[in-house]
Every structure is written in C-alpha cells, then in structure tokens.
Amino acid sequence: MYGLISILEKEHSISEVVELLSSFDVEELKDYAIGHNICPKCFGELSEYKWEESRGEYMGRPAFETMRELYCEGCGEVYE
C-alpha cells in the first residue's frame, strides 16, 4: 500500500491522496481486474471458456447463442 501512496504523492498533494483513497471502490477494482483478465481473488490470469447453447429455431433454422465464462485456473473462481 505504501508503494501506491508514494506513487500518488509524486503527482498529488497529501490531501488529494487521502481523498483519492477514501473514494476507493472495491467493486470498481474487481470490475477493472476482470475486464483485464486478472482474477481479483488470487491475481492470476483468467482463461476464457466458450460454448454454444441451442436457442431452438429462428425462421426454420437452428439458432445458437455463444456463451462465455472467465475462470481462474489458480483458485478455481468463475466469472460470467
């Protein structure tokens, strides 16, 4: 944490650093990590698993939807 604070202090005043850290949102960090294929639980790389699911018929033809999950091989966590 102190490494992050010293990086912030290079660009911001102490009061700005405190303000930035007080507005810290854990869900936003989790979304950021998943958006960059990093597991927010163990910080390992997320792998993508894709499969096709049948959605019946559309205009007389079989219809499928591509489903997608992200999973972590390190801790086994799954993110949709």
Protein backbone atom coordinates (compact mmCIF):
# COMPACT_ATOMS: atom_id res chain seq x y z
CA MET A 1 0.00 0.00 0.00
CA TYR A 2 2.84 2.39 0.80
CA GLY A 3 4.23 1.89 -2.70
CA LEU A 4 0.94 3.04 -4.16
CA ILE A 5 0.82 6.01 -1.80
CA SER A 6 4.33 7.12 -2.77
CA ILE A 7 3.43 6.90 -6.47
CA LEU A 8 0.33 9.03 -5.82
CA GLU A 9 2.34 11.55 -3.80
CA LYS A 10 4.52 12.27 -6.85
CA GLU A 11 1.51 13.66 -8.70
CA HIS A 12 -0.85 14.78 -5.90
CA SER A 13 -0.81 16.61 -2.59
CA ILE A 14 -1.28 14.66 0.66
CA SER A 15 -4.89 15.82 0.97
CA GLU A 16 -5.58 14.72 -2.62
CA VAL A 17 -4.05 11.29 -1.89
CA VAL A 18 -6.29 10.89 1.15
CA GLU A 19 -9.32 11.95 -0.89
CA LEU A 20 -8.47 9.53 -3.71
CA LEU A 21 -8.00 6.61 -1.34
CA SER A 22 -11.17 7.39 0.62
CA SER A 23 -13.23 7.15 -2.57
CA PHE A 24 -11.77 3.71 -3.31
CA ASP A 25 -14.47 1.30 -4.52
CA VAL A 26 -13.76 -2.44 -4.22
CA GLU A 27 -16.39 -3.39 -6.82
CA GLU A 28 -14.84 -0.98 -9.32
CA LEU A 29 -11.44 -2.60 -8.75
CA LYS A 30 -12.96 -6.06 -9.20
CA ASP A 31 -14.60 -5.00 -12.49
CA TYR A 32 -11.31 -3.48 -13.65
CA ALA A 33 -9.40 -6.69 -12.88
CA ILE A 34 -11.93 -8.93 -14.63
CA GLY A 35 -12.02 -6.55 -17.60
CA HIS A 36 -8.26 -7.06 -17.95
CA ASN A 37 -8.42 -10.87 -17.45
CA ILE A 38 -6.94 -10.79 -13.93
CA CYS A 39 -8.52 -12.75 -11.10
CA PRO A 40 -9.42 -10.30 -8.30
CA LYS A 41 -9.17 -13.12 -5.74
CA CYS A 42 -5.67 -14.55 -6.39
CA PHE A 43 -4.38 -12.13 -9.10
CA GLY A 44 -3.78 -14.97 -11.58
CA GLU A 45 -4.66 -14.76 -15.25
CA LEU A 46 -8.23 -15.58 -16.25
CA SER A 47 -8.93 -18.00 -19.08
CA GLU A 48 -11.97 -17.85 -21.32
CA TYR A 49 -14.32 -20.77 -21.85
CA LYS A 50 -16.81 -20.52 -24.75
CA TRP A 51 -19.60 -22.85 -25.81
CA GLU A 52 -22.70 -22.83 -27.98
CA GLU A 53 -26.17 -23.21 -26.48
CA SER A 54 -29.21 -24.07 -28.55
CA ARG A 55 -31.96 -21.44 -28.62
CA GLY A 56 -34.42 -23.51 -30.62
CA GLU A 57 -35.32 -22.34 -34.10
CA TYR A 58 -35.31 -18.98 -35.81
CA MET A 59 -37.07 -18.73 -39.18
CA GLY A 60 -36.91 -22.52 -39.60
CA ARG A 61 -33.19 -22.81 -38.84
CA PRO A 62 -31.46 -23.91 -35.64
CA ALA A 63 -30.41 -20.93 -33.51
CA PHE A 64 -27.45 -20.89 -31.14
CA GLU A 65 -26.03 -18.41 -28.67
CA THR A 66 -22.34 -18.24 -27.85
CA MET A 67 -21.92 -18.34 -24.08
CA ARG A 68 -18.76 -17.15 -22.34
CA GLU A 69 -17.25 -17.61 -18.87
CA LEU A 70 -13.97 -16.48 -17.41
CA TYR A 71 -12.30 -18.82 -14.95
CA CYS A 72 -9.13 -18.84 -12.92
CA GLU A 73 -7.00 -21.97 -13.03
CA GLY A 74 -5.19 -20.82 -9.88
CA CYS A 75 -8.09 -20.62 -7.43
CA GLY A 76 -10.98 -22.06 -9.48
CA GLU A 77 -13.13 -18.90 -9.31
CA VAL A 78 -15.60 -18.42 -12.21
CA TYR A 79 -16.81 -15.04 -13.53
CA GLU A 80 -19.63 -14.56 -16.03
